[in-house]
Amino acid sequence: MSDETTTTLPDDTETIDVWVAGTEEPARLEWETAATDEGAQKMAVEEPEARLREQLGNVIDDDYLFDEEAADDERMLVNMGPQHPSTHGVLRLQLELDGEIIRRTKPIIGYLHTGMEKTAETLTFMQGPTNVTRMDYLAPMHNELCYSLAVENLLGIEVPERAQTIRVLMTELNRISSHLVALATNGMDIGALSMMLYGFREREQILSFFEKTTGLRMNHNYIRPGGVAVDLPPGWRADVEVILETLPSRLAEYDDLLEHNPIWLRRTVGVGVITAEECLAYGITGPTLRAAGVDWDLRKAFPYIGLDEYEFDVPVGSKGDVYDRYRVRVDEIHESIKIVRQAMDRMPKGDYRIDDRKITPPPRARIDESMEALIHHFKIFTEGFKVPAGETYFAIESPRGELGCYLVADGEAKPYRMHTRAPSFTNLQALPIMMADSLVADTVATIASLDPVMGDVDR
């Protein structure tokens, strides 16, 4: 990286200023635009041989490891997935192997295709959250929030302060639960089975609170255009307080188990490396980008739902390997705990949804008392509300990176078009880079460190 300003660039080169950990000024990054054809699958990280030698020492002869003149019949194509338990869903990897060394990786997707973006065109804006919440089933609150904010942009409305604070509370708890699954599955894939049990144990507390609040453990349809479906339940403070008091000590136990564990370190340090330049060239975001040293979080860069009023840090790594991605997620859980506590302390009184009868249904109690309220309730759930013609894109920071929703409205009650910028889909582009000239045994660790959700990829 260099701080020098490039004045002339070839057509296939781009530059960008980014904040890198440990620096006071933005760094000017320059890279060749990545090709989109199959030849791009052969792109390897810088000095892959040096990285592999560092992992293996002198265990294997150099002539075997780096024999670029190997005949075609000495290489083998192996399919990993789409039914493999460690590909985190129906992901298929086509691996070109030279012995135990991966020379080329080709991710193949589409086995879970559900057509959710096209389905959105058949659903009203009120029904939309029931669709998008199923894309990333580990972070459903974030999908609901992103969609609702895009609709609210088209409507030109702003939800009450209490609704915003509830959204902060629920999405940050969801971030914690999602990262707990990432830590659990990462440990399980490498062989730390205790980590899998512990991660799901802590996540269960959060899902129990979600069920108490929304009625469902997952796919909640809770965050909706105009606010949230219902207010927080009685006793919610005590429930959240138990979660916040339990997690720090349990996270310390995770560190005792893994942070200095020699087996964990040998399986994660220097494995699945990707640089900051490569992340930016491929649009990689979230913990994977921050682990590579780039201080970029949409909650700080483009604050939404009042997050600019909260105090929290953005954890950043330096090496961009599996270990750094693990550390970033652990540190992000601590930061989310701080945000949730601040949301609890500042939770204002007032409405949990906007007071606009054209957008929000009447209170449940009014339906039993007023025929007009019953008719209003019936029409808004069957016909929906109309949205002014226009288009918008809104992006938030999901547990996996930038989650964006592009909506086009034509003045009717259903979207004309919807497209989702799914972080898991974009982040999978990193696999050919991270796995180039690595060992087959490191494949599952590298995949798990990306924390992909295939429902988010195939949509």
Protein backbone atom coordinates (compact mmCIF):
# COMPACT_ATOMS: atom_id res chain seq x y z
CA MET A 1 0.00 0.00 0.00
CA SER A 2 1.20 3.53 -0.65
CA ASP A 3 0.02 7.04 0.21
CA GLU A 4 1.27 8.38 -3.12
CA THR A 5 -1.32 9.75 -5.50
CA THR A 6 -1.50 8.03 -8.86
CA THR A 7 -2.09 10.54 -11.66
CA THR A 8 -2.26 8.26 -14.70
CA LEU A 9 -3.77 4.84 -14.70
CA PRO A 10 -4.30 2.22 -17.39
CA ASP A 11 -7.87 1.43 -18.34
CA ASP A 12 -7.99 -1.75 -16.27
CA THR A 13 -6.69 -0.17 -13.05
CA GLU A 14 -8.62 1.50 -10.25
CA THR A 15 -7.70 3.40 -7.07
CA ILE A 16 -9.54 4.08 -3.85
CA ASP A 17 -8.76 5.76 -0.51
CA VAL A 18 -9.46 3.50 2.47
CA TRP A 19 -8.77 3.65 6.19
CA VAL A 20 -6.34 0.97 7.27
CA ALA A 21 -5.81 -0.02 10.90
CA GLY A 22 -2.91 1.74 12.60
CA THR A 23 -2.77 4.72 10.23
CA GLU A 24 -3.97 8.28 10.63
CA GLU A 25 -4.43 9.03 6.94
CA PRO A 26 -6.29 7.06 4.26
CA ALA A 27 -4.17 4.80 2.08
CA ARG A 28 -4.37 4.94 -1.69
CA LEU A 29 -4.91 1.41 -2.98
CA GLU A 30 -4.29 0.49 -6.61
CA TRP A 31 -5.18 -2.80 -8.25
CA GLU A 32 -5.98 -4.31 -11.59
CA THR A 33 -9.68 -4.79 -12.13
CA ALA A 34 -10.49 -8.47 -11.61
CA ALA A 35 -11.61 -10.38 -14.68
CA THR A 36 -15.04 -11.91 -14.63
CA ASP A 37 -14.38 -14.91 -16.86
CA GLU A 38 -13.23 -18.32 -15.75
CA GLY A 39 -9.61 -17.21 -16.01
CA ALA A 40 -10.15 -15.15 -12.90
CA GLN A 41 -10.54 -18.39 -10.95
CA LYS A 42 -6.80 -18.92 -11.38
CA MET A 43 -5.95 -15.68 -9.57
CA ALA A 44 -3.77 -16.47 -6.56
CA VAL A 45 -2.78 -14.39 -3.56
CA GLU A 46 0.67 -12.80 -3.39
CA GLU A 47 3.49 -15.25 -2.76
CA PRO A 48 1.35 -18.35 -2.17
CA GLU A 49 4.47 -20.48 -2.11
CA ALA A 50 5.96 -18.54 0.80
CA ARG A 51 2.72 -18.85 2.72
CA LEU A 52 2.53 -22.59 2.20
CA ARG A 53 6.17 -23.08 3.14
CA GLU A 54 5.52 -21.15 6.34
CA GLN A 55 2.72 -23.58 7.21
CA LEU A 56 4.57 -26.77 6.32
CA GLY A 57 8.22 -25.98 6.97
CA ASN A 58 10.36 -28.73 5.45
CA VAL A 59 7.81 -31.50 5.87
CA ILE A 60 7.27 -31.91 2.13
CA ASP A 61 9.82 -31.52 -0.61
CA ASP A 62 9.63 -28.19 -2.50
CA ASP A 63 9.71 -29.94 -5.88
CA TYR A 64 6.46 -31.72 -4.95
CA LEU A 65 4.75 -28.64 -3.54
CA PHE A 66 5.51 -26.23 -6.35
CA ASP A 67 5.86 -28.29 -9.46
CA GLU A 68 4.16 -25.96 -11.93
CA GLU A 69 5.19 -28.27 -14.79
CA ALA A 70 3.03 -31.11 -13.50
CA ALA A 71 1.31 -32.93 -16.33
CA ASP A 72 -2.45 -32.60 -16.70
CA ASP A 73 -2.93 -36.28 -15.94
CA GLU A 74 -1.21 -35.75 -12.59
CA ARG A 75 -3.90 -33.32 -11.49
CA MET A 76 -7.33 -34.35 -10.33
CA LEU A 77 -10.71 -32.60 -10.28
CA VAL A 78 -12.69 -33.24 -7.12
CA ASN A 79 -16.20 -32.07 -6.28
CA MET A 80 -16.68 -30.99 -2.69
CA GLY A 81 -20.40 -30.63 -2.11
CA PRO A 82 -23.12 -29.72 -2.73
CA GLN A 83 -24.09 -32.29 -0.09
CA HIS A 84 -20.93 -31.95 2.02
CA PRO A 85 -21.71 -31.16 5.70
CA SER A 86 -18.90 -28.59 5.92
CA THR A 87 -19.84 -26.44 2.93
CA HIS A 88 -22.43 -24.65 5.10
CA GLY A 89 -25.34 -25.43 2.86
CA VAL A 90 -25.68 -26.59 -0.70
CA LEU A 91 -22.40 -25.12 -1.95
CA ARG A 92 -20.36 -27.04 -4.50
CA LEU A 93 -16.63 -26.49 -4.90
CA GLN A 94 -14.77 -27.84 -7.90
CA LEU A 95 -11.19 -28.34 -6.72
CA GLU A 96 -8.22 -28.92 -9.00
CA LEU A 97 -5.72 -30.89 -6.92
CA ASP A 98 -2.03 -31.49 -7.36
CA GLY A 99 -1.61 -34.13 -4.69
CA GLU A 100 -2.82 -32.48 -1.48
CA ILE A 101 -2.38 -28.97 -2.87
CA ILE A 102 -5.33 -26.99 -4.29
CA ARG A 103 -4.25 -25.33 -7.51
CA ARG A 104 -7.63 -23.92 -8.55
CA THR A 105 -11.05 -23.51 -6.93
CA LYS A 106 -14.36 -22.89 -8.66
CA PRO A 107 -17.41 -22.21 -6.44
CA ILE A 108 -20.65 -23.41 -8.05
CA ILE A 109 -23.93 -22.10 -6.65
CA GLY A 110 -27.61 -22.21 -7.49
CA TYR A 111 -28.71 -25.45 -5.83
CA LEU A 112 -30.96 -23.61 -3.35
CA HIS A 113 -32.49 -21.12 -5.77
CA THR A 114 -35.88 -19.96 -4.47
CA GLY A 115 -36.55 -16.89 -6.59
CA MET A 116 -37.19 -14.62 -3.60
CA GLU A 117 -36.41 -11.44 -5.53
CA LYS A 118 -39.01 -12.33 -8.15
CA THR A 119 -41.44 -13.44 -5.45
CA ALA A 120 -41.17 -9.94 -3.95
CA GLU A 121 -42.95 -8.55 -7.01
CA THR A 122 -46.05 -10.60 -6.14
CA LEU A 123 -46.19 -9.47 -2.49
CA THR A 124 -47.34 -6.14 -1.11
CA PHE A 125 -44.88 -3.91 0.69
CA MET A 126 -46.56 -4.97 3.94
CA GLN A 127 -45.98 -8.64 3.10
CA GLY A 128 -42.39 -8.09 1.95
CA PRO A 129 -40.65 -8.77 5.29
CA THR A 130 -42.10 -12.30 5.38
CA ASN A 131 -40.14 -12.97 2.20
CA VAL A 132 -36.77 -11.27 2.81
CA THR A 133 -36.45 -12.56 6.38
CA ARG A 134 -35.87 -16.05 4.94
CA MET A 135 -32.86 -15.08 2.82
CA ASP A 136 -30.30 -14.95 5.62
CA TYR A 137 -31.94 -17.18 8.21
CA LEU A 138 -29.14 -16.54 10.73
CA ALA A 139 -29.71 -12.77 10.60
CA PRO A 140 -33.42 -12.38 9.72
CA MET A 141 -33.78 -9.10 11.63
CA HIS A 142 -31.19 -7.44 9.38
CA ASN A 143 -33.00 -8.49 6.21
CA GLU A 144 -36.27 -7.13 7.59
CA LEU A 145 -34.58 -3.90 8.63
CA CYS A 146 -32.88 -3.32 5.27
CA TYR A 147 -36.11 -3.92 3.33
CA SER A 148 -38.15 -1.72 5.68
CA LEU A 149 -35.66 1.16 5.48
CA ALA A 150 -35.75 1.01 1.66
CA VAL A 151 -39.57 1.14 1.68
CA GLU A 152 -39.53 4.00 4.19
CA ASN A 153 -37.12 5.87 1.90
CA LEU A 154 -39.64 5.62 -0.93
CA LEU A 155 -42.47 6.70 1.38
CA GLY A 156 -40.40 9.58 2.77
CA ILE A 157 -41.22 8.72 6.39
CA GLU A 158 -39.19 8.34 9.59
CA VAL A 159 -40.25 5.98 12.34
CA PRO A 160 -40.65 7.10 15.99
CA GLU A 161 -37.58 7.14 18.23
CA ARG A 162 -38.78 4.17 20.30
CA ALA A 163 -39.17 2.08 17.13
CA GLN A 164 -35.63 3.00 16.06
CA THR A 165 -34.21 2.03 19.45
CA ILE A 166 -36.08 -1.28 19.41
CA ARG A 167 -34.61 -1.94 15.96
CA VAL A 168 -31.11 -1.27 17.28
CA LEU A 169 -31.70 -3.59 20.24
CA MET A 170 -33.05 -6.46 18.13
CA THR A 171 -30.55 -6.27 15.27
CA GLU A 172 -27.51 -6.11 17.57
CA LEU A 173 -28.80 -9.09 19.54
CA ASN A 174 -29.24 -10.80 16.17
CA ARG A 175 -25.64 -9.90 15.27
CA ILE A 176 -24.48 -11.59 18.46
CA SER A 177 -26.50 -14.74 17.79
CA SER A 178 -25.24 -14.92 14.20
CA HIS A 179 -21.60 -14.54 15.25
CA LEU A 180 -22.10 -17.23 17.89
CA VAL A 181 -23.13 -19.62 15.11
CA ALA A 182 -20.08 -18.57 13.09
CA LEU A 183 -17.77 -19.33 16.01
CA ALA A 184 -19.58 -22.61 16.73
CA THR A 185 -19.42 -23.91 13.16
CA ASN A 186 -15.85 -22.70 12.64
CA GLY A 187 -14.78 -24.65 15.71
CA MET A 188 -16.78 -27.70 14.67
CA ASP A 189 -15.24 -27.77 11.18
CA ILE A 190 -11.71 -27.70 12.58
CA GLY A 191 -12.45 -30.28 15.27
CA ALA A 192 -13.24 -28.18 18.36
CA LEU A 193 -16.59 -29.83 19.00
CA SER A 194 -16.97 -28.17 22.41
CA MET A 195 -17.07 -24.80 20.65
CA MET A 196 -20.08 -25.95 18.64
CA LEU A 197 -21.98 -26.91 21.79
CA TYR A 198 -21.09 -23.71 23.62
CA GLY A 199 -21.95 -21.39 20.71
CA PHE A 200 -25.41 -22.85 20.21
CA ARG A 201 -26.00 -22.87 23.97
CA GLU A 202 -25.48 -19.09 24.23
CA ARG A 203 -27.45 -18.45 21.05
CA GLU A 204 -30.43 -20.24 22.56
CA GLN A 205 -30.85 -17.49 25.17
CA ILE A 206 -31.19 -14.88 22.44
CA LEU A 207 -33.61 -16.96 20.38
CA SER A 208 -35.77 -17.47 23.46
CA PHE A 209 -35.99 -13.71 23.87
CA PHE A 210 -36.84 -13.33 20.17
CA GLU A 211 -39.59 -15.91 20.52
CA LYS A 212 -41.01 -14.11 23.53
CA THR A 213 -41.01 -10.80 21.65
CA THR A 214 -42.04 -11.81 18.14
CA GLY A 215 -43.68 -15.20 18.60
CA LEU A 216 -41.05 -16.98 16.49
CA ARG A 217 -37.48 -18.16 17.02
CA MET A 218 -36.50 -17.32 13.44
CA ASN A 219 -38.01 -15.59 10.37
CA HIS A 220 -39.84 -13.18 12.62
CA ASN A 221 -41.57 -10.64 10.34
CA TYR A 222 -41.05 -8.26 13.26
CA ILE A 223 -39.38 -5.21 11.72
CA ARG A 224 -41.85 -3.78 9.21
CA PRO A 225 -42.22 -0.59 7.15
CA GLY A 226 -43.30 2.07 9.64
CA GLY A 227 -41.80 0.52 12.78
CA VAL A 228 -42.07 -2.89 14.42
CA ALA A 229 -44.95 -5.35 14.68
CA VAL A 230 -45.47 -5.17 18.46
CA ASP A 231 -43.91 -3.44 21.44
CA LEU A 232 -41.36 -5.15 23.67
CA PRO A 233 -42.99 -7.62 26.09
CA PRO A 234 -43.28 -7.11 29.85
CA GLY A 235 -40.06 -8.05 31.62
CA TRP A 236 -37.91 -7.54 28.53
CA ARG A 237 -35.22 -5.64 30.46
CA ALA A 238 -34.64 -8.56 32.83
CA ASP A 239 -34.45 -11.00 29.91
CA VAL A 240 -31.88 -8.91 28.05
CA GLU A 241 -29.90 -8.26 31.22
CA VAL A 242 -29.47 -12.01 31.75
CA ILE A 243 -28.06 -12.30 28.22
CA LEU A 244 -25.66 -9.40 28.72
CA GLU A 245 -24.45 -10.71 32.07
CA THR A 246 -23.88 -14.25 30.77
CA LEU A 247 -22.05 -13.56 27.51
CA PRO A 248 -18.81 -11.85 28.69
CA SER A 249 -17.82 -14.70 31.00
CA ARG A 250 -18.70 -17.27 28.34
CA LEU A 251 -16.64 -15.41 25.73
CA ALA A 252 -13.72 -15.52 28.15
CA GLU A 253 -14.16 -19.29 28.29
CA TYR A 254 -14.01 -19.42 24.50
CA ASP A 255 -10.69 -17.57 24.59
CA ASP A 256 -9.36 -19.98 27.21
CA LEU A 257 -10.36 -22.83 24.94
CA LEU A 258 -9.10 -21.48 21.61
CA GLU A 259 -7.04 -18.29 21.69
CA HIS A 260 -3.75 -19.94 22.67
CA ASN A 261 -4.63 -23.50 21.76
CA PRO A 262 -1.68 -24.78 19.65
CA ILE A 263 -3.92 -26.98 17.49
CA TRP A 264 -6.34 -24.11 16.82
CA LEU A 265 -3.46 -21.77 15.99
CA ARG A 266 -1.85 -24.24 13.56
CA ARG A 267 -5.19 -24.69 11.80
CA THR A 268 -6.06 -20.96 11.55
CA VAL A 269 -2.97 -18.70 11.58
CA GLY A 270 -1.75 -18.03 8.05
CA VAL A 271 -4.61 -20.06 6.56
CA GLY A 272 -7.08 -18.65 4.02
CA VAL A 273 -5.24 -15.35 3.66
CA ILE A 274 -6.71 -12.49 1.63
CA THR A 275 -5.26 -8.99 1.46
CA ALA A 276 -7.03 -5.65 1.77
CA GLU A 277 -6.44 -4.90 -1.92
CA GLU A 278 -7.99 -8.22 -2.96
CA CYS A 279 -11.00 -7.66 -0.69
CA LEU A 280 -11.64 -4.26 -2.25
CA ALA A 281 -11.15 -5.56 -5.79
CA TYR A 282 -13.80 -8.23 -5.27
CA GLY A 283 -16.26 -6.22 -3.16
CA ILE A 284 -15.66 -8.29 -0.02
CA THR A 285 -17.18 -6.66 3.08
CA GLY A 286 -17.92 -7.36 6.73
CA PRO A 287 -15.60 -9.21 9.14
CA THR A 288 -13.61 -10.62 6.20
CA LEU A 289 -12.71 -7.11 5.01
CA ARG A 290 -12.02 -5.81 8.52
CA ALA A 291 -9.83 -8.83 9.31
CA ALA A 292 -7.68 -7.80 6.34
CA GLY A 293 -7.02 -4.43 8.00
CA VAL A 294 -9.66 -2.13 6.49
CA ASP A 295 -11.63 -0.07 9.01
CA TRP A 296 -14.97 -0.08 7.20
CA ASP A 297 -18.35 -0.54 8.88
CA LEU A 298 -21.56 0.95 7.48
CA ARG A 299 -22.78 1.65 11.02
CA LYS A 300 -19.94 4.20 11.22
CA ALA A 301 -19.55 5.21 7.58
CA PHE A 302 -23.27 5.72 6.82
CA PRO A 303 -25.14 5.54 10.15
CA TYR A 304 -28.79 4.49 10.12
CA ILE A 305 -31.53 4.11 12.79
CA GLY A 306 -29.61 6.54 15.00
CA LEU A 307 -26.45 4.42 15.35
CA ASP A 308 -24.31 7.55 15.13
CA GLU A 309 -25.44 8.33 18.69
CA TYR A 310 -24.01 5.08 20.08
CA GLU A 311 -20.47 4.57 21.33
CA PHE A 312 -18.73 1.50 19.93
CA ASP A 313 -15.49 0.54 18.19
CA VAL A 314 -14.89 -1.29 14.93
CA PRO A 315 -12.58 -4.30 15.51
CA VAL A 316 -9.92 -4.63 12.81
CA GLY A 317 -7.35 -7.36 12.10
CA SER A 318 -4.13 -7.23 10.16
CA LYS A 319 -3.30 -10.55 8.43
CA GLY A 320 -6.64 -11.41 6.83
CA ASP A 321 -6.42 -15.08 7.78
CA VAL A 322 -8.87 -17.48 9.43
CA TYR A 323 -7.59 -16.56 12.89
CA ASP A 324 -8.10 -12.82 12.37
CA ARG A 325 -11.63 -13.39 11.13
CA TYR A 326 -12.33 -15.42 14.27
CA ARG A 327 -10.91 -12.66 16.51
CA VAL A 328 -12.86 -9.91 14.72
CA ARG A 329 -16.15 -11.72 15.31
CA VAL A 330 -15.40 -12.30 18.99
CA ASP A 331 -14.54 -8.61 19.42
CA GLU A 332 -17.67 -7.58 17.50
CA ILE A 333 -19.79 -9.54 19.98
CA HIS A 334 -18.30 -7.45 22.78
CA GLU A 335 -19.06 -4.25 20.85
CA SER A 336 -22.63 -5.35 20.16
CA ILE A 337 -23.09 -5.99 23.89
CA LYS A 338 -22.10 -2.35 24.47
CA ILE A 339 -24.63 -1.15 21.88
CA VAL A 340 -27.44 -3.28 23.33
CA ARG A 341 -26.77 -1.93 26.83
CA GLN A 342 -26.88 1.64 25.53
CA ALA A 343 -30.17 0.90 23.73
CA MET A 344 -31.61 -0.45 26.99
CA ASP A 345 -30.53 2.64 28.92
CA ARG A 346 -31.93 5.11 26.40
CA MET A 347 -35.14 3.27 25.44
CA PRO A 348 -37.68 6.13 25.15
CA LYS A 349 -41.40 6.01 25.75
CA GLY A 350 -43.81 6.48 22.89
CA ASP A 351 -45.12 4.66 19.84
CA TYR A 352 -43.39 1.62 18.39
CA ARG A 353 -44.67 2.41 14.89
CA ILE A 354 -45.59 5.46 12.87
CA ASP A 355 -49.03 6.96 13.49
CA ASP A 356 -50.18 6.92 9.88
CA ARG A 357 -53.40 5.01 9.25
CA LYS A 358 -52.50 4.58 5.57
CA ILE A 359 -49.38 2.58 6.45
CA THR A 360 -49.92 0.88 9.81
CA PRO A 361 -52.88 -1.27 10.88
CA PRO A 362 -55.12 -0.16 13.75
CA PRO A 363 -54.46 -1.36 17.33
CA ARG A 364 -55.70 -4.87 17.97
CA ALA A 365 -58.14 -3.74 20.66
CA ARG A 366 -59.85 -1.32 18.25
CA ILE A 367 -60.80 -4.15 15.89
CA ASP A 368 -63.28 -5.51 18.46
CA GLU A 369 -64.82 -2.07 19.02
CA SER A 370 -65.02 -0.41 15.60
CA MET A 371 -66.29 -1.64 12.25
CA GLU A 372 -64.14 1.02 10.54
CA ALA A 373 -61.04 -0.33 12.32
CA LEU A 374 -61.91 -3.87 11.20
CA ILE A 375 -62.32 -2.74 7.58
CA HIS A 376 -59.07 -0.79 7.78
CA HIS A 377 -57.24 -3.83 9.17
CA PHE A 378 -58.68 -6.07 6.45
CA LYS A 379 -57.81 -3.75 3.57
CA ILE A 380 -54.25 -2.97 4.67
CA PHE A 381 -53.39 -6.67 4.98
CA THR A 382 -55.13 -7.75 1.77
CA GLU A 383 -54.47 -4.78 -0.52
CA GLY A 384 -51.50 -3.15 1.22
CA PHE A 385 -50.50 0.50 0.92
CA LYS A 386 -49.38 2.24 -2.25
CA VAL A 387 -45.83 3.59 -2.53
CA PRO A 388 -44.95 6.60 -4.73
CA ALA A 389 -43.14 5.78 -7.95
CA GLY A 390 -39.37 5.87 -7.67
CA GLU A 391 -36.30 3.81 -6.91
CA THR A 392 -33.98 3.55 -3.94
CA TYR A 393 -31.03 1.59 -2.58
CA PHE A 394 -30.42 1.21 1.12
CA ALA A 395 -27.53 -0.69 2.70
CA ILE A 396 -26.87 -1.78 6.28
CA GLU A 397 -24.10 -3.70 8.06
CA SER A 398 -25.26 -7.27 8.48
CA PRO A 399 -23.16 -9.88 10.37
CA ARG A 400 -21.69 -10.93 7.00
CA GLY A 401 -21.09 -7.49 5.48
CA GLU A 402 -22.94 -4.97 3.34
CA LEU A 403 -26.57 -5.99 2.91
CA GLY A 404 -28.35 -3.79 0.39
CA CYS A 405 -31.91 -3.60 -0.93
CA TYR A 406 -32.67 -2.00 -4.29
CA LEU A 407 -36.37 -1.28 -4.80
CA VAL A 408 -38.29 0.12 -7.75
CA ALA A 409 -41.87 1.30 -7.17
CA ASP A 410 -44.40 2.21 -9.86
CA GLY A 411 -47.04 3.75 -7.61
CA GLU A 412 -48.77 0.49 -6.75
CA ALA A 413 -48.91 -1.59 -3.59
CA LYS A 414 -46.28 -4.08 -4.79
CA PRO A 415 -42.64 -3.51 -5.82
CA TYR A 416 -42.04 -3.32 -9.55
CA ARG A 417 -38.55 -4.76 -9.01
CA MET A 418 -36.44 -5.80 -6.02
CA HIS A 419 -32.80 -6.80 -5.91
CA THR A 420 -30.76 -7.71 -2.86
CA ARG A 421 -27.04 -7.08 -2.52
CA ALA A 422 -26.31 -10.20 -0.47
CA PRO A 423 -22.97 -10.23 1.39
CA SER A 424 -22.63 -14.02 1.36
CA PHE A 425 -22.95 -14.05 -2.45
CA THR A 426 -20.22 -11.44 -2.86
CA ASN A 427 -17.91 -12.88 -0.20
CA LEU A 428 -17.85 -16.32 -1.87
CA GLN A 429 -15.77 -14.72 -4.63
CA ALA A 430 -12.91 -14.73 -2.14
CA LEU A 431 -12.67 -18.54 -1.99
CA PRO A 432 -10.52 -19.01 -5.15
CA ILE A 433 -8.07 -16.42 -3.79
CA MET A 434 -7.97 -17.69 -0.22
CA MET A 435 -7.61 -21.34 -1.23
CA ALA A 436 -5.04 -20.95 -4.01
CA ASP A 437 -2.02 -23.24 -3.37
CA SER A 438 -3.34 -24.28 0.03
CA LEU A 439 -3.90 -27.71 1.53
CA VAL A 440 -7.12 -29.65 1.08
CA ALA A 441 -7.29 -29.98 4.88
CA ASP A 442 -7.62 -26.18 5.17
CA THR A 443 -10.67 -26.00 2.91
CA VAL A 444 -13.35 -26.37 5.58
CA ALA A 445 -11.62 -23.87 7.88
CA THR A 446 -11.49 -21.30 5.09
CA ILE A 447 -15.14 -21.76 4.11
CA ALA A 448 -16.31 -21.52 7.72
CA SER A 449 -14.31 -18.33 8.28
CA LEU A 450 -16.38 -16.60 5.57
CA ASP A 451 -19.57 -17.52 7.47
CA PRO A 452 -21.67 -17.93 4.31
CA VAL A 453 -25.41 -18.54 4.33
CA MET A 454 -26.52 -20.22 1.14
CA GLY A 455 -30.06 -18.89 1.39
CA ASP A 456 -28.42 -15.48 1.12
CA VAL A 457 -26.46 -16.59 -1.96
CA ASP A 458 -29.08 -18.29 -4.12
CA ARG A 459 -32.16 -16.25 -3.13
